[in-house]
């Protein structure tokens, strides 16, 4: 969360991937942090990838996660992506 808050999305993604590579199972909070960071930086394709990855871990995105995603769509004026 600290990396994302400081605008270090690449570093946060690197730590996340390292965690997964080492066998840890991420939770929805970890995905929401990454999705929020992607959305804030306008990297919606990466946000979508993280949403799909969360589902591959059998996680169900919650309202907080979808709100972060939708905020990114709204920020870009891309309501089509939100649907």
PDB file of N, CA and C in Angstrom:
ATOM      1  N   UNK A   1       0.830  -1.190   0.000  1.00  0.00           N
ATOM      2  CA  UNK A   1       0.000   0.000   0.000  1.00  0.00           C
ATOM      3  C   UNK A   1       0.874   1.252   0.000  1.00  0.00           C
ATOM      4  N   UNK A   2       1.963   1.219   0.727  1.00  0.00           N
ATOM      5  CA  UNK A   2       2.840   2.387   0.794  1.00  0.00           C
ATOM      6  C   UNK A   2       3.424   2.714  -0.575  1.00  0.00           C
ATOM      7  N   UNK A   3       3.831   1.700  -1.322  1.00  0.00           N
ATOM      8  CA  UNK A   3       4.389   1.935  -2.659  1.00  0.00           C
ATOM      9  C   UNK A   3       3.356   2.597  -3.562  1.00  0.00           C
ATOM     10  N   UNK A   4       2.135   2.088  -3.541  1.00  0.00           N
ATOM     11  CA  UNK A   4       1.073   2.639  -4.386  1.00  0.00           C
ATOM     12  C   UNK A   4       0.770   4.075  -3.979  1.00  0.00           C
ATOM     13  N   UNK A   5       0.678   4.330  -2.682  1.00  0.00           N
ATOM     14  CA  UNK A   5       0.381   5.680  -2.214  1.00  0.00           C
ATOM     15  C   UNK A   5       1.456   6.680  -2.631  1.00  0.00           C
ATOM     16  N   UNK A   6       2.683   6.199  -2.780  1.00  0.00           N
ATOM     17  CA  UNK A   6       3.780   7.072  -3.189  1.00  0.00           C
ATOM     18  C   UNK A   6       3.979   7.095  -4.708  1.00  0.00           C
ATOM     19  N   UNK A   7       3.041   6.481  -5.429  1.00  0.00           N
ATOM     20  CA  UNK A   7       3.118   6.492  -6.887  1.00  0.00           C
ATOM     21  C   UNK A   7       4.100   5.491  -7.466  1.00  0.00           C
ATOM     22  N   UNK A   8       4.534   4.544  -6.662  1.00  0.00           N
ATOM     23  CA  UNK A   8       5.511   3.537  -7.095  1.00  0.00           C
ATOM     24  C   UNK A   8       4.790   2.247  -7.497  1.00  0.00           C
ATOM     25  N   UNK A   9       3.917   2.354  -8.491  1.00  0.00           N
ATOM     26  CA  UNK A   9       3.110   1.213  -8.906  1.00  0.00           C
ATOM     27  C   UNK A   9       3.968   0.057  -9.424  1.00  0.00           C
ATOM     28  N   UNK A  10       5.015   0.364 -10.173  1.00  0.00           N
ATOM     29  CA  UNK A  10       5.885  -0.688 -10.692  1.00  0.00           C
ATOM     30  C   UNK A  10       6.545  -1.467  -9.552  1.00  0.00           C
ATOM     31  N   UNK A  11       6.961  -0.765  -8.525  1.00  0.00           N
ATOM     32  CA  UNK A  11       7.579  -1.423  -7.379  1.00  0.00           C
ATOM     33  C   UNK A  11       6.556  -2.275  -6.636  1.00  0.00           C
ATOM     34  N   UNK A  12       5.353  -1.747  -6.454  1.00  0.00           N
ATOM     35  CA  UNK A  12       4.293  -2.511  -5.794  1.00  0.00           C
ATOM     36  C   UNK A  12       3.968  -3.773  -6.583  1.00  0.00           C
ATOM     37  N   UNK A  13       3.891  -3.648  -7.899  1.00  0.00           N
ATOM     38  CA  UNK A  13       3.619  -4.808  -8.751  1.00  0.00           C
ATOM     39  C   UNK A  13       4.733  -5.838  -8.658  1.00  0.00           C
ATOM     40  N   UNK A  14       5.952  -5.353  -8.574  1.00  0.00           N
ATOM     41  CA  UNK A  14       7.102  -6.252  -8.444  1.00  0.00           C
ATOM     42  C   UNK A  14       7.051  -7.040  -7.144  1.00  0.00           C
ATOM     43  N   UNK A  15       6.760  -6.355  -6.053  1.00  0.00           N
ATOM     44  CA  UNK A  15       6.626  -7.041  -4.758  1.00  0.00           C
ATOM     45  C   UNK A  15       5.477  -8.044  -4.776  1.00  0.00           C
ATOM     46  N   UNK A  16       4.374  -7.639  -5.393  1.00  0.00           N
ATOM     47  CA  UNK A  16       3.217  -8.518  -5.479  1.00  0.00           C
ATOM     48  C   UNK A  16       3.589  -9.789  -6.250  1.00  0.00           C
ATOM     49  N   UNK A  17       4.223  -9.619  -7.402  1.00  0.00           N
ATOM     50  CA  UNK A  17       4.594 -10.776  -8.219  1.00  0.00           C
ATOM     51  C   UNK A  17       5.586 -11.673  -7.486  1.00  0.00           C
ATOM     52  N   UNK A  18       6.495 -11.070  -6.777  1.00  0.00           N
ATOM     53  CA  UNK A  18       7.463 -11.852  -5.982  1.00  0.00           C
ATOM     54  C   UNK A  18       6.744 -12.686  -4.921  1.00  0.00           C
ATOM     55  N   UNK A  19       5.762 -12.082  -4.283  1.00  0.00           N
ATOM     56  CA  UNK A  19       4.972 -12.772  -3.270  1.00  0.00           C
ATOM     57  C   UNK A  19       4.281 -13.994  -3.884  1.00  0.00           C
ATOM     58  N   UNK A  20       3.658 -13.795  -5.042  1.00  0.00           N
ATOM     59  CA  UNK A  20       2.969 -14.893  -5.726  1.00  0.00           C
ATOM     60  C   UNK A  20       3.969 -15.959  -6.164  1.00  0.00           C
ATOM     61  N   UNK A  21       5.084 -15.536  -6.721  1.00  0.00           N
ATOM     62  CA  UNK A  21       6.116 -16.479  -7.186  1.00  0.00           C
ATOM     63  C   UNK A  21       6.663 -17.341  -6.055  1.00  0.00           C
ATOM     64  N   UNK A  22       6.676 -16.779  -4.849  1.00  0.00           N
ATOM     65  CA  UNK A  22       7.203 -17.516  -3.703  1.00  0.00           C
ATOM     66  C   UNK A  22       6.133 -18.362  -3.013  1.00  0.00           C
ATOM     67  N   UNK A  23       4.927 -18.411  -3.618  1.00  0.00           N
ATOM     68  CA  UNK A  23       3.898 -19.321  -3.125  1.00  0.00           C
ATOM     69  C   UNK A  23       2.854 -18.732  -2.208  1.00  0.00           C
ATOM     70  N   UNK A  24       2.937 -17.438  -1.944  1.00  0.00           N
ATOM     71  CA  UNK A  24       1.922 -16.813  -1.104  1.00  0.00           C
ATOM     72  C   UNK A  24       0.642 -16.613  -1.916  1.00  0.00           C
ATOM     73  N   UNK A  25      -0.476 -16.739  -1.254  1.00  0.00           N
ATOM     74  CA  UNK A  25      -1.759 -16.508  -1.903  1.00  0.00           C
ATOM     75  C   UNK A  25      -2.247 -15.118  -1.532  1.00  0.00           C
ATOM     76  N   UNK A  26      -2.350 -14.232  -2.524  1.00  0.00           N
ATOM     77  CA  UNK A  26      -2.804 -12.872  -2.214  1.00  0.00           C
ATOM     78  C   UNK A  26      -4.279 -12.857  -1.843  1.00  0.00           C
ATOM     79  N   UNK A  27      -4.659 -11.866  -1.069  1.00  0.00           N
ATOM     80  CA  UNK A  27      -6.071 -11.702  -0.720  1.00  0.00           C
ATOM     81  C   UNK A  27      -6.650 -10.546  -1.532  1.00  0.00           C
ATOM     82  N   UNK A  28      -7.937 -10.314  -1.353  1.00  0.00           N
ATOM     83  CA  UNK A  28      -8.606  -9.274  -2.128  1.00  0.00           C
ATOM     84  C   UNK A  28      -8.091  -7.892  -1.777  1.00  0.00           C
ATOM     85  N   UNK A  29      -7.608  -7.708  -0.563  1.00  0.00           N
ATOM     86  CA  UNK A  29      -7.038  -6.410  -0.176  1.00  0.00           C
ATOM     87  C   UNK A  29      -5.821  -6.095  -1.040  1.00  0.00           C
ATOM     88  N   UNK A  30      -4.943  -7.075  -1.224  1.00  0.00           N
ATOM     89  CA  UNK A  30      -3.747  -6.864  -2.044  1.00  0.00           C
ATOM     90  C   UNK A  30      -4.131  -6.509  -3.482  1.00  0.00           C
ATOM     91  N   UNK A  31      -5.109  -7.230  -4.027  1.00  0.00           N
ATOM     92  CA  UNK A  31      -5.550  -6.925  -5.386  1.00  0.00           C
ATOM     93  C   UNK A  31      -6.189  -5.547  -5.463  1.00  0.00           C
ATOM     94  N   UNK A  32      -6.982  -5.193  -4.478  1.00  0.00           N
ATOM     95  CA  UNK A  32      -7.650  -3.892  -4.489  1.00  0.00           C
ATOM     96  C   UNK A  32      -6.632  -2.754  -4.460  1.00  0.00           C
ATOM     97  N   UNK A  33      -5.582  -2.927  -3.701  1.00  0.00           N
ATOM     98  CA  UNK A  33      -4.514  -1.915  -3.651  1.00  0.00           C
ATOM     99  C   UNK A  33      -3.897  -1.731  -5.030  1.00  0.00           C
ATOM    100  N   UNK A  34      -3.586  -2.834  -5.697  1.00  0.00           N
ATOM    101  CA  UNK A  34      -3.000  -2.733  -7.036  1.00  0.00           C
ATOM    102  C   UNK A  34      -3.983  -2.150  -8.045  1.00  0.00           C
ATOM    103  N   UNK A  35      -5.228  -2.584  -7.986  1.00  0.00           N
ATOM    104  CA  UNK A  35      -6.243  -2.074  -8.902  1.00  0.00           C
ATOM    105  C   UNK A  35      -6.439  -0.580  -8.692  1.00  0.00           C
ATOM    106  N   UNK A  36      -6.474  -0.162  -7.449  1.00  0.00           N
ATOM    107  CA  UNK A  36      -6.610   1.261  -7.134  1.00  0.00           C
ATOM    108  C   UNK A  36      -5.435   2.056  -7.688  1.00  0.00           C
ATOM    109  N   UNK A  37      -4.238   1.543  -7.510  1.00  0.00           N
ATOM    110  CA  UNK A  37      -3.051   2.224  -8.034  1.00  0.00           C
ATOM    111  C   UNK A  37      -3.065   2.319  -9.547  1.00  0.00           C
ATOM    112  N   UNK A  38      -3.439   1.237 -10.201  1.00  0.00           N
ATOM    113  CA  UNK A  38      -3.533   1.249 -11.666  1.00  0.00           C
ATOM    114  C   UNK A  38      -4.568   2.274 -12.111  1.00  0.00           C
ATOM    115  N   UNK A  39      -5.702   2.283 -11.441  1.00  0.00           N
ATOM    116  CA  UNK A  39      -6.783   3.200 -11.800  1.00  0.00           C
ATOM    117  C   UNK A  39      -6.344   4.649 -11.629  1.00  0.00           C
ATOM    118  N   UNK A  40      -5.668   4.938 -10.544  1.00  0.00           N
ATOM    119  CA  UNK A  40      -5.217   6.314 -10.289  1.00  0.00           C
ATOM    120  C   UNK A  40      -4.218   6.785 -11.331  1.00  0.00           C
ATOM    121  N   UNK A  41      -3.416   5.841 -11.852  1.00  0.00           N
ATOM    122  CA  UNK A  41      -2.409   6.207 -12.842  1.00  0.00           C
ATOM    123  C   UNK A  41      -2.916   6.027 -14.272  1.00  0.00           C
ATOM    124  N   UNK A  42      -4.197   5.696 -14.409  1.00  0.00           N
ATOM    125  CA  UNK A  42      -4.785   5.572 -15.736  1.00  0.00           C
ATOM    126  C   UNK A  42      -4.408   4.311 -16.481  1.00  0.00           C
ATOM    127  N   UNK A  43      -3.893   3.329 -15.777  1.00  0.00           N
ATOM    128  CA  UNK A  43      -3.479   2.077 -16.404  1.00  0.00           C
ATOM    129  C   UNK A  43      -4.597   1.041 -16.258  1.00  0.00           C
ATOM    130  N   UNK A  44      -5.703   1.324 -16.942  1.00  0.00           N
ATOM    131  CA  UNK A  44      -6.891   0.498 -16.777  1.00  0.00           C
ATOM    132  C   UNK A  44      -6.723  -0.916 -17.322  1.00  0.00           C
ATOM    133  N   UNK A  45      -5.905  -1.099 -18.342  1.00  0.00           N
ATOM    134  CA  UNK A  45      -5.693  -2.460 -18.850  1.00  0.00           C
ATOM    135  C   UNK A  45      -5.025  -3.321 -17.779  1.00  0.00           C
ATOM    136  N   UNK A  46      -4.113  -2.735 -17.018  1.00  0.00           N
ATOM    137  CA  UNK A  46      -3.485  -3.469 -15.912  1.00  0.00           C
ATOM    138  C   UNK A  46      -4.488  -3.719 -14.793  1.00  0.00           C
ATOM    139  N   UNK A  47      -5.369  -2.754 -14.548  1.00  0.00           N
ATOM    140  CA  UNK A  47      -6.402  -2.941 -13.529  1.00  0.00           C
ATOM    141  C   UNK A  47      -7.287  -4.131 -13.903  1.00  0.00           C
ATOM    142  N   UNK A  48      -7.651  -4.217 -15.178  1.00  0.00           N
ATOM    143  CA  UNK A  48      -8.466  -5.340 -15.646  1.00  0.00           C
ATOM    144  C   UNK A  48      -7.703  -6.654 -15.463  1.00  0.00           C
ATOM    145  N   UNK A  49      -6.428  -6.650 -15.782  1.00  0.00           N
ATOM    146  CA  UNK A  49      -5.608  -7.860 -15.606  1.00  0.00           C
ATOM    147  C   UNK A  49      -5.609  -8.306 -14.146  1.00  0.00           C
ATOM    148  N   UNK A  50      -5.506  -7.358 -13.224  1.00  0.00           N
ATOM    149  CA  UNK A  50      -5.515  -7.712 -11.802  1.00  0.00           C
ATOM    150  C   UNK A  50      -6.880  -8.234 -11.364  1.00  0.00           C
ATOM    151  N   UNK A  51      -7.949  -7.663 -11.907  1.00  0.00           N
ATOM    152  CA  UNK A  51      -9.293  -8.183 -11.608  1.00  0.00           C
ATOM    153  C   UNK A  51      -9.403  -9.643 -12.054  1.00  0.00           C
ATOM    154  N   UNK A  52      -8.938  -9.913 -13.259  1.00  0.00           N
ATOM    155  CA  UNK A  52      -8.997 -11.281 -13.786  1.00  0.00           C
ATOM    156  C   UNK A  52      -8.105 -12.221 -12.977  1.00  0.00           C
ATOM    157  N   UNK A  53      -6.941 -11.743 -12.585  1.00  0.00           N
ATOM    158  CA  UNK A  53      -6.034 -12.559 -11.791  1.00  0.00           C
ATOM    159  C   UNK A  53      -6.652 -12.896 -10.436  1.00  0.00           C
ATOM    160  N   UNK A  54      -7.332 -11.930  -9.832  1.00  0.00           N
ATOM    161  CA  UNK A  54      -8.003 -12.185  -8.550  1.00  0.00           C
ATOM    162  C   UNK A  54      -8.998 -13.326  -8.705  1.00  0.00           C
ATOM    163  N   UNK A  55      -9.743 -13.303  -9.788  1.00  0.00           N
ATOM    164  CA  UNK A  55     -10.719 -14.365 -10.047  1.00  0.00           C
ATOM    165  C   UNK A  55     -10.031 -15.711 -10.241  1.00  0.00           C
ATOM    166  N   UNK A  56      -8.816 -15.697 -10.815  1.00  0.00           N
ATOM    167  CA  UNK A  56      -8.086 -16.957 -11.002  1.00  0.00           C
ATOM    168  C   UNK A  56      -7.645 -17.563  -9.669  1.00  0.00           C
ATOM    169  N   UNK A  57      -7.585 -16.738  -8.625  1.00  0.00           N
ATOM    170  CA  UNK A  57      -7.282 -17.214  -7.277  1.00  0.00           C
ATOM    171  C   UNK A  57      -8.567 -17.532  -6.508  1.00  0.00           C
ATOM    172  N   UNK A  58      -9.684 -17.578  -7.242  1.00  0.00           N
ATOM    173  CA  UNK A  58     -11.007 -17.865  -6.663  1.00  0.00           C
ATOM    174  C   UNK A  58     -11.438 -16.792  -5.670  1.00  0.00           C
ATOM    175  N   UNK A  59     -10.970 -15.576  -5.880  1.00  0.00           N
ATOM    176  CA  UNK A  59     -11.374 -14.447  -5.047  1.00  0.00           C
ATOM    177  C   UNK A  59     -12.514 -13.716  -5.737  1.00  0.00           C
ATOM    178  N   UNK A  60     -13.397 -13.161  -4.950  1.00  0.00           N
ATOM    179  CA  UNK A  60     -14.531 -12.412  -5.475  1.00  0.00           C
ATOM    180  C   UNK A  60     -14.306 -10.937  -5.171  1.00  0.00           C
ATOM    181  N   UNK A  61     -14.127 -10.124  -6.219  1.00  0.00           N
ATOM    182  CA  UNK A  61     -13.958  -8.696  -5.980  1.00  0.00           C
ATOM    183  C   UNK A  61     -15.154  -8.126  -5.219  1.00  0.00           C
ATOM    184  N   UNK A  62     -14.861  -7.271  -4.242  1.00  0.00           N
ATOM    185  CA  UNK A  62     -15.919  -6.692  -3.421  1.00  0.00           C
ATOM    186  C   UNK A  62     -16.212  -5.257  -3.876  1.00  0.00           C
ATOM    187  N   UNK A  63     -17.103  -4.606  -3.154  1.00  0.00           N
ATOM    188  CA  UNK A  63     -17.511  -3.248  -3.513  1.00  0.00           C
ATOM    189  C   UNK A  63     -16.324  -2.283  -3.505  1.00  0.00           C
ATOM    190  N   UNK A  64     -15.426  -2.441  -2.562  1.00  0.00           N
ATOM    191  CA  UNK A  64     -14.257  -1.552  -2.488  1.00  0.00           C
ATOM    192  C   UNK A  64     -13.396  -1.709  -3.732  1.00  0.00           C
ATOM    193  N   UNK A  65     -13.203  -2.929  -4.153  1.00  0.00           N
ATOM    194  CA  UNK A  65     -12.404  -3.203  -5.344  1.00  0.00           C
ATOM    195  C   UNK A  65     -13.066  -2.607  -6.586  1.00  0.00           C
ATOM    196  N   UNK A  66     -14.361  -2.880  -6.752  1.00  0.00           N
ATOM    197  CA  UNK A  66     -15.056  -2.349  -7.920  1.00  0.00           C
ATOM    198  C   UNK A  66     -15.138  -0.831  -7.888  1.00  0.00           C
ATOM    199  N   UNK A  67     -15.272  -0.234  -6.718  1.00  0.00           N
ATOM    200  CA  UNK A  67     -15.277   1.225  -6.622  1.00  0.00           C
ATOM    201  C   UNK A  67     -13.954   1.812  -7.089  1.00  0.00           C
ATOM    202  N   UNK A  68     -12.850   1.175  -6.723  1.00  0.00           N
ATOM    203  CA  UNK A  68     -11.527   1.638  -7.170  1.00  0.00           C
ATOM    204  C   UNK A  68     -11.432   1.556  -8.686  1.00  0.00           C
ATOM    205  N   UNK A  69     -11.910   0.455  -9.236  1.00  0.00           N
ATOM    206  CA  UNK A  69     -11.880   0.278 -10.687  1.00  0.00           C
ATOM    207  C   UNK A  69     -12.758   1.324 -11.381  1.00  0.00           C
ATOM    208  N   UNK A  70     -13.977   1.479 -10.893  1.00  0.00           N
ATOM    209  CA  UNK A  70     -14.907   2.430 -11.503  1.00  0.00           C
ATOM    210  C   UNK A  70     -14.410   3.866 -11.392  1.00  0.00           C
ATOM    211  N   UNK A  71     -13.729   4.189 -10.306  1.00  0.00           N
ATOM    212  CA  UNK A  71     -13.165   5.537 -10.162  1.00  0.00           C
ATOM    213  C   UNK A  71     -12.149   5.810 -11.266  1.00  0.00           C
ATOM    214  N   UNK A  72     -11.361   4.803 -11.599  1.00  0.00           N
ATOM    215  CA  UNK A  72     -10.401   4.950 -12.692  1.00  0.00           C
ATOM    216  C   UNK A  72     -11.090   5.151 -14.026  1.00  0.00           C
ATOM    217  N   UNK A  73     -12.152   4.399 -14.252  1.00  0.00           N
ATOM    218  CA  UNK A  73     -12.919   4.561 -15.490  1.00  0.00           C
ATOM    219  C   UNK A  73     -13.518   5.961 -15.570  1.00  0.00           C
ATOM    220  N   UNK A  74     -14.084   6.418 -14.473  1.00  0.00           N
ATOM    221  CA  UNK A  74     -14.693   7.748 -14.435  1.00  0.00           C
ATOM    222  C   UNK A  74     -13.653   8.833 -14.651  1.00  0.00           C
ATOM    223  N   UNK A  75     -12.494   8.664 -14.056  1.00  0.00           N
ATOM    224  CA  UNK A  75     -11.414   9.633 -14.186  1.00  0.00           C
ATOM    225  C   UNK A  75     -11.014   9.793 -15.641  1.00  0.00           C
ATOM    226  N   UNK A  76     -11.036   8.703 -16.382  1.00  0.00           N
ATOM    227  CA  UNK A  76     -10.669   8.729 -17.801  1.00  0.00           C
ATOM    228  C   UNK A  76     -11.858   9.058 -18.691  1.00  0.00           C
ATOM    229  N   UNK A  77     -13.067   9.100 -18.105  1.00  0.00           N
ATOM    230  CA  UNK A  77     -14.257   9.325 -18.905  1.00  0.00           C
ATOM    231  C   UNK A  77     -14.618   8.125 -19.763  1.00  0.00           C
ATOM    232  N   UNK A  78     -14.191   6.955 -19.321  1.00  0.00           N
ATOM    233  CA  UNK A  78     -14.386   5.718 -20.084  1.00  0.00           C
ATOM    234  C   UNK A  78     -15.442   4.855 -19.429  1.00  0.00           C
ATOM    235  N   UNK A  79     -16.685   5.230 -19.595  1.00  0.00           N
ATOM    236  CA  UNK A  79     -17.763   4.476 -18.982  1.00  0.00           C
ATOM    237  C   UNK A  79     -17.973   3.134 -19.666  1.00  0.00           C
ATOM    238  N   UNK A  80     -17.545   3.008 -20.925  1.00  0.00           N
ATOM    239  CA  UNK A  80     -17.636   1.736 -21.631  1.00  0.00           C
ATOM    240  C   UNK A  80     -16.794   0.671 -20.954  1.00  0.00           C
ATOM    241  N   UNK A  81     -15.645   1.032 -20.441  1.00  0.00           N
ATOM    242  CA  UNK A  81     -14.781   0.090 -19.723  1.00  0.00           C
ATOM    243  C   UNK A  81     -15.425  -0.354 -18.419  1.00  0.00           C
ATOM    244  N   UNK A  82     -16.187   0.539 -17.822  1.00  0.00           N
ATOM    245  CA  UNK A  82     -16.830   0.233 -16.539  1.00  0.00           C
ATOM    246  C   UNK A  82     -17.872  -0.870 -16.674  1.00  0.00           C
ATOM    247  N   UNK A  83     -18.461  -0.976 -17.847  1.00  0.00           N
ATOM    248  CA  UNK A  83     -19.497  -1.983 -18.074  1.00  0.00           C
ATOM    249  C   UNK A  83     -18.820  -3.257 -18.433  1.00  0.00           C
TER     250      UNK A  83
END
